[in-house]
C-alpha atoms as a PDB file:
ATOM      1  CA  MET A   1      -0.186 -19.013 -16.399  1.00  0.00           C
ATOM      2  CA  ARG A   2      -0.210 -21.048 -13.200  1.00  0.00           C
ATOM      3  CA  HIS A   3      -0.907 -17.784 -11.250  1.00  0.00           C
ATOM      4  CA  ALA A   4      -4.036 -16.988 -13.285  1.00  0.00           C
ATOM      5  CA  PRO A   5      -6.476 -18.582 -10.749  1.00  0.00           C
ATOM      6  CA  ILE A   6      -4.947 -16.491  -7.942  1.00  0.00           C
ATOM      7  CA  LEU A   7      -5.201 -13.282  -9.994  1.00  0.00           C
ATOM      8  CA  ILE A   8      -8.801 -14.033 -10.880  1.00  0.00           C
ATOM      9  CA  ALA A   9      -9.608 -14.688  -7.207  1.00  0.00           C
ATOM     10  CA  ILE A  10      -8.004 -11.386  -6.187  1.00  0.00           C
ATOM     11  CA  LEU A  11      -9.907  -9.439  -8.834  1.00  0.00           C
ATOM     12  CA  PHE A  12     -13.147 -11.122  -7.731  1.00  0.00           C
ATOM     13  CA  PHE A  13     -12.754  -9.807  -4.170  1.00  0.00           C
ATOM     14  CA  ILE A  14     -11.876  -6.193  -5.096  1.00  0.00           C
ATOM     15  CA  PRO A  15     -14.971  -4.096  -4.429  1.00  0.00           C
ATOM     16  CA  CYS A  16     -16.363  -2.600  -7.563  1.00  0.00           C
ATOM     17  CA  ALA A  17     -19.025   0.019  -8.060  1.00  0.00           C
ATOM     18  CA  HIS A  18     -21.801  -0.452 -10.570  1.00  0.00           C
ATOM     19  CA  ALA A  19     -23.503   2.191 -12.729  1.00  0.00           C
ATOM     20  CA  GLY A  20     -26.651   3.476 -11.064  1.00  0.00           C
ATOM     21  CA  GLU A  21     -25.671   1.997  -7.702  1.00  0.00           C
ATOM     22  CA  ARG A  22     -26.807   3.637  -4.464  1.00  0.00           C
ATOM     23  CA  ILE A  23     -24.330   3.011  -1.648  1.00  0.00           C
ATOM     24  CA  GLU A  24     -25.617   3.596   1.890  1.00  0.00           C
ATOM     25  CA  PHE A  25     -22.938   3.419   4.569  1.00  0.00           C
ATOM     26  CA  TYR A  26     -21.866   4.083   8.125  1.00  0.00           C
ATOM     27  CA  SER A  27     -18.170   4.838   8.690  1.00  0.00           C
ATOM     28  CA  LYS A  28     -15.866   5.797  11.536  1.00  0.00           C
ATOM     29  CA  HIS A  29     -13.242   8.479  10.767  1.00  0.00           C
ATOM     30  CA  ILE A  30     -10.201   9.082  12.959  1.00  0.00           C
ATOM     31  CA  ASN A  31      -8.339  12.305  12.128  1.00  0.00           C
ATOM     32  CA  VAL A  32      -5.298  14.169  13.465  1.00  0.00           C
ATOM     33  CA  VAL A  33      -4.875  17.932  13.086  1.00  0.00           C
ATOM     34  CA  SER A  34      -1.672  18.673  11.144  1.00  0.00           C
ATOM     35  CA  SER A  35      -1.888  22.474  11.202  1.00  0.00           C
ATOM     36  CA  ASN A  36      -3.945  24.978  13.129  1.00  0.00           C
ATOM     37  CA  GLU A  37      -3.920  28.769  13.171  1.00  0.00           C
ATOM     38  CA  SER A  38      -6.258  30.973  15.126  1.00  0.00           C
ATOM     39  CA  VAL A  39      -6.883  34.678  15.454  1.00  0.00           C
ATOM     40  CA  GLU A  40      -8.623  36.296  18.412  1.00  0.00           C
ATOM     41  CA  VAL A  41     -11.367  38.590  17.095  1.00  0.00           C
ATOM     42  CA  GLY A  42     -11.387  40.827  20.190  1.00  0.00           C
ATOM     43  CA  ASP A  43     -15.074  41.715  20.214  1.00  0.00           C
ATOM     44  CA  GLU A  44     -15.778  39.391  23.154  1.00  0.00           C
ATOM     45  CA  PRO A  45     -13.607  37.156  25.364  1.00  0.00           C
ATOM     46  CA  GLY A  46     -12.701  33.858  23.705  1.00  0.00           C
ATOM     47  CA  HIS A  47     -14.061  34.661  20.246  1.00  0.00           C
ATOM     48  CA  VAL A  48     -11.628  33.193  17.692  1.00  0.00           C
ATOM     49  CA  LEU A  49     -11.455  32.399  13.997  1.00  0.00           C
ATOM     50  CA  ALA A  50      -9.491  29.224  13.268  1.00  0.00           C
ATOM     51  CA  PHE A  51      -8.089  27.588  10.160  1.00  0.00           C
ATOM     52  CA  PHE A  52      -6.946  23.959  10.198  1.00  0.00           C
ATOM     53  CA  ALA A  53      -5.860  20.954   8.185  1.00  0.00           C
ATOM     54  CA  ALA A  54      -6.139  17.321   9.253  1.00  0.00           C
ATOM     55  CA  SER A  55      -5.572  13.864   7.862  1.00  0.00           C
ATOM     56  CA  GLY A  56      -6.800  10.481   8.891  1.00  0.00           C
ATOM     57  CA  VAL A  57      -8.302   7.168   8.009  1.00  0.00           C
ATOM     58  CA  GLY A  58     -11.866   5.997   7.497  1.00  0.00           C
ATOM     59  CA  THR A  59     -13.288   2.545   8.114  1.00  0.00           C
ATOM     60  CA  ARG A  60     -16.638   1.486   6.698  1.00  0.00           C
ATOM     61  CA  LEU A  61     -18.623  -0.402   9.353  1.00  0.00           C
ATOM     62  CA  GLU A  62     -21.928  -0.798   7.473  1.00  0.00           C
ATOM     63  CA  GLY A  63     -22.636  -1.008   3.757  1.00  0.00           C
ATOM     64  CA  PRO A  64     -20.542  -2.575   0.995  1.00  0.00           C
ATOM     65  CA  GLU A  65     -17.104  -3.706   2.164  1.00  0.00           C
ATOM     66  CA  GLU A  66     -14.326  -1.211   1.543  1.00  0.00           C
ATOM     67  CA  PRO A  67     -10.663  -1.289   2.606  1.00  0.00           C
ATOM     68  CA  PRO A  68      -9.719   1.570   4.976  1.00  0.00           C
ATOM     69  CA  TYR A  69      -9.385   4.854   3.074  1.00  0.00           C
ATOM     70  CA  LYS A  70      -7.327   8.017   3.516  1.00  0.00           C
ATOM     71  CA  ILE A  71      -8.877  11.338   4.515  1.00  0.00           C
ATOM     72  CA  GLU A  72      -7.621  14.902   3.992  1.00  0.00           C
ATOM     73  CA  ILE A  73      -9.556  17.793   5.572  1.00  0.00           C
ATOM     74  CA  TRP A  74      -9.269  21.589   5.380  1.00  0.00           C
ATOM     75  CA  GLY A  75     -11.564  23.813   7.423  1.00  0.00           C
ATOM     76  CA  SER A  76     -12.296  27.037   9.202  1.00  0.00           C
ATOM     77  CA  GLY A  77     -14.342  27.875  12.235  1.00  0.00           C
ATOM     78  CA  ASP A  78     -15.895  30.778  14.111  1.00  0.00           C
ATOM     79  CA  TYR A  79     -15.797  29.793  17.780  1.00  0.00           C
ATOM     80  CA  ARG A  80     -17.069  31.511  20.954  1.00  0.00           C
ATOM     81  CA  GLY A  81     -15.629  31.440  24.445  1.00  0.00           C
ATOM     82  CA  ASP A  82     -18.535  29.299  25.684  1.00  0.00           C
ATOM     83  CA  GLY A  83     -17.456  26.413  23.407  1.00  0.00           C
ATOM     84  CA  THR A  84     -20.051  26.974  20.703  1.00  0.00           C
ATOM     85  CA  GLY A  85     -19.512  27.907  17.105  1.00  0.00           C
ATOM     86  CA  LYS A  86     -19.807  27.052  13.459  1.00  0.00           C
ATOM     87  CA  ASP A  87     -17.311  25.432  11.147  1.00  0.00           C
ATOM     88  CA  GLN A  88     -17.067  24.537   7.489  1.00  0.00           C
ATOM     89  CA  GLY A  89     -14.621  23.149   5.010  1.00  0.00           C
ATOM     90  CA  TYR A  90     -13.695  20.541   2.461  1.00  0.00           C
ATOM     91  CA  GLY A  91     -12.576  16.937   2.602  1.00  0.00           C
ATOM     92  CA  LYS A  92     -11.051  14.454   0.196  1.00  0.00           C
ATOM     93  CA  PHE A  93     -11.484  10.681   0.499  1.00  0.00           C
ATOM     94  CA  ILE A  94      -8.849   8.564  -1.271  1.00  0.00           C
ATOM     95  CA  PHE A  95      -9.468   4.845  -1.776  1.00  0.00           C
ATOM     96  CA  ALA A  96      -7.106   1.882  -2.202  1.00  0.00           C
ATOM     97  CA  ASP A  97      -7.745   1.711  -5.964  1.00  0.00           C
ATOM     98  CA  GLY A  98      -6.814   5.409  -6.405  1.00  0.00           C
ATOM     99  CA  SER A  99     -10.413   6.597  -6.815  1.00  0.00           C
ATOM    100  CA  TYR A 100     -11.430   9.635  -4.767  1.00  0.00           C
ATOM    101  CA  TYR A 101     -14.176  12.180  -4.169  1.00  0.00           C
ATOM    102  CA  PHE A 102     -14.537  15.498  -2.358  1.00  0.00           C
ATOM    103  CA  GLU A 103     -16.990  16.839   0.181  1.00  0.00           C
ATOM    104  CA  LYS A 104     -18.063  20.290   1.290  1.00  0.00           C
ATOM    105  CA  TRP A 105     -19.134  20.205   4.935  1.00  0.00           C
ATOM    106  CA  SER A 106     -20.594  22.575   7.528  1.00  0.00           C
ATOM    107  CA  GLY A 107     -21.873  22.235  11.040  1.00  0.00           C
ATOM    108  CA  GLU A 108     -22.421  23.485  14.542  1.00  0.00           C
ATOM    109  CA  VAL A 109     -20.016  23.058  17.458  1.00  0.00           C
ATOM    110  CA  LYS A 110     -21.052  22.654  21.090  1.00  0.00           C
ATOM    111  CA  ASP A 111     -19.594  20.885  24.143  1.00  0.00           C
ATOM    112  CA  GLY A 112     -16.642  19.376  22.238  1.00  0.00           C
ATOM    113  CA  ARG A 113     -18.801  17.962  19.451  1.00  0.00           C
ATOM    114  CA  ALA A 114     -19.270  19.059  15.844  1.00  0.00           C
ATOM    115  CA  VAL A 115     -22.489  17.945  14.160  1.00  0.00           C
ATOM    116  CA  GLY A 116     -23.359  18.729  10.565  1.00  0.00           C
ATOM    117  CA  THR A 117     -23.803  17.676   6.965  1.00  0.00           C
ATOM    118  CA  ALA A 118     -21.637  17.201   3.898  1.00  0.00           C
ATOM    119  CA  ASP A 119     -22.345  17.223   0.162  1.00  0.00           C
ATOM    120  CA  TYR A 120     -20.182  14.994  -2.048  1.00  0.00           C
ATOM    121  CA  HIS A 121     -18.824  16.001  -5.463  1.00  0.00           C
ATOM    122  CA  GLY A 122     -15.888  15.780  -7.870  1.00  0.00           C
ATOM    123  CA  GLY A 123     -15.295  12.040  -7.982  1.00  0.00           C
ATOM    124  CA  SER A 124     -12.652  10.227 -10.026  1.00  0.00           C
ATOM    125  CA  GLY A 125     -12.235   6.594 -11.046  1.00  0.00           C
ATOM    126  CA  ARG A 126     -15.196   4.544  -9.838  1.00  0.00           C
ATOM    127  CA  PHE A 127     -16.686   7.677  -8.238  1.00  0.00           C
ATOM    128  CA  GLU A 128     -16.610   9.836 -11.383  1.00  0.00           C
ATOM    129  CA  GLY A 129     -19.910  11.713 -11.743  1.00  0.00           C
ATOM    130  CA  MET A 130     -21.158  10.623  -8.319  1.00  0.00           C
ATOM    131  CA  THR A 131     -23.401  12.656  -6.032  1.00  0.00           C
ATOM    132  CA  GLY A 132     -24.350  12.152  -2.425  1.00  0.00           C
ATOM    133  CA  GLY A 133     -23.868  13.385   1.073  1.00  0.00           C
ATOM    134  CA  SER A 134     -23.710  12.512   4.730  1.00  0.00           C
ATOM    135  CA  LYS A 135     -24.453  13.525   8.281  1.00  0.00           C
ATOM    136  CA  TYR A 136     -21.570  13.536  10.746  1.00  0.00           C
ATOM    137  CA  ASP A 137     -21.099  13.678  14.499  1.00  0.00           C
ATOM    138  CA  CYS A 138     -17.502  14.331  15.585  1.00  0.00           C
ATOM    139  CA  THR A 139     -15.962  14.332  19.053  1.00  0.00           C
ATOM    140  CA  SER A 140     -12.867  16.437  19.730  1.00  0.00           C
ATOM    141  CA  LEU A 141     -10.003  14.792  21.625  1.00  0.00           C
ATOM    142  CA  GLY A 142      -7.354  17.529  21.681  1.00  0.00           C
ATOM    143  CA  ASP A 143      -5.497  17.408  18.367  1.00  0.00           C
ATOM    144  CA  ARG A 144      -7.612  14.432  17.219  1.00  0.00           C
ATOM    145  CA  PHE A 145     -11.249  14.059  16.322  1.00  0.00           C
ATOM    146  CA  ILE A 146     -13.333  10.950  15.774  1.00  0.00           C
ATOM    147  CA  CYS A 147     -16.408  11.097  13.554  1.00  0.00           C
ATOM    148  CA  ASP A 148     -19.417   8.873  13.038  1.00  0.00           C
ATOM    149  CA  VAL A 149     -20.569   9.336   9.439  1.00  0.00           C
ATOM    150  CA  ARG A 150     -23.802   8.077   7.828  1.00  0.00           C
ATOM    151  CA  GLY A 151     -24.087   8.761   4.143  1.00  0.00           C
ATOM    152  CA  VAL A 152     -25.198   7.915   0.643  1.00  0.00           C
ATOM    153  CA  ILE A 153     -23.224   7.792  -2.597  1.00  0.00           C
ATOM    154  CA  GLU A 154     -25.201   7.761  -5.872  1.00  0.00           C
ATOM    155  CA  LEU A 155     -23.290   6.551  -8.921  1.00  0.00           C
ATOM    156  CA  PRO A 156     -24.386   7.722 -12.379  1.00  0.00           C
END
C-alpha cells in the first residue's frame, strides 16, 4: 500500500483521451525504408512504379503531450524521370498504451519532397471510432524520409 501514491501519480500523468475531444497537433515523423521494389515501365526514360515499406517514430511537438509513437508505412508510387510523381498508401500509428489508428494517404512528389493529405480511420483503444486527417510535407534523404505533419483527431 505504501506504493499507492506513486501509482496514482503515474496514472495522473498518462495522457488520456476524452469522449468528444478534438485533438489538433503538429508532429515530426522520422522513417526508414525497410523494403523497396521498383519496375521500369519503359514508356519513357526514368518512368518507374515503386512499392515500399517503412517504419519509424513520431514525436508530437504541438498539441496534447504524447510519448513518441511507432509508425508503420506501406506505399506505392508512380514516378517520372524528372523527379515528379504521385504516391499513395497506408500507415499505422502505434502508441505507448497499445492504442493505434490507421491512415490512408496520397500526395504529389517533386524535387525530393512529397506533399499530400491523409484520412484517419480504424482506431483501437482510446482511438476507437475516431475520425480525422492531416496534411504532410516529407523530405527524402536517401533511404530515410522526415515528415512534418499537421492534423486533427476527432474522438466520438
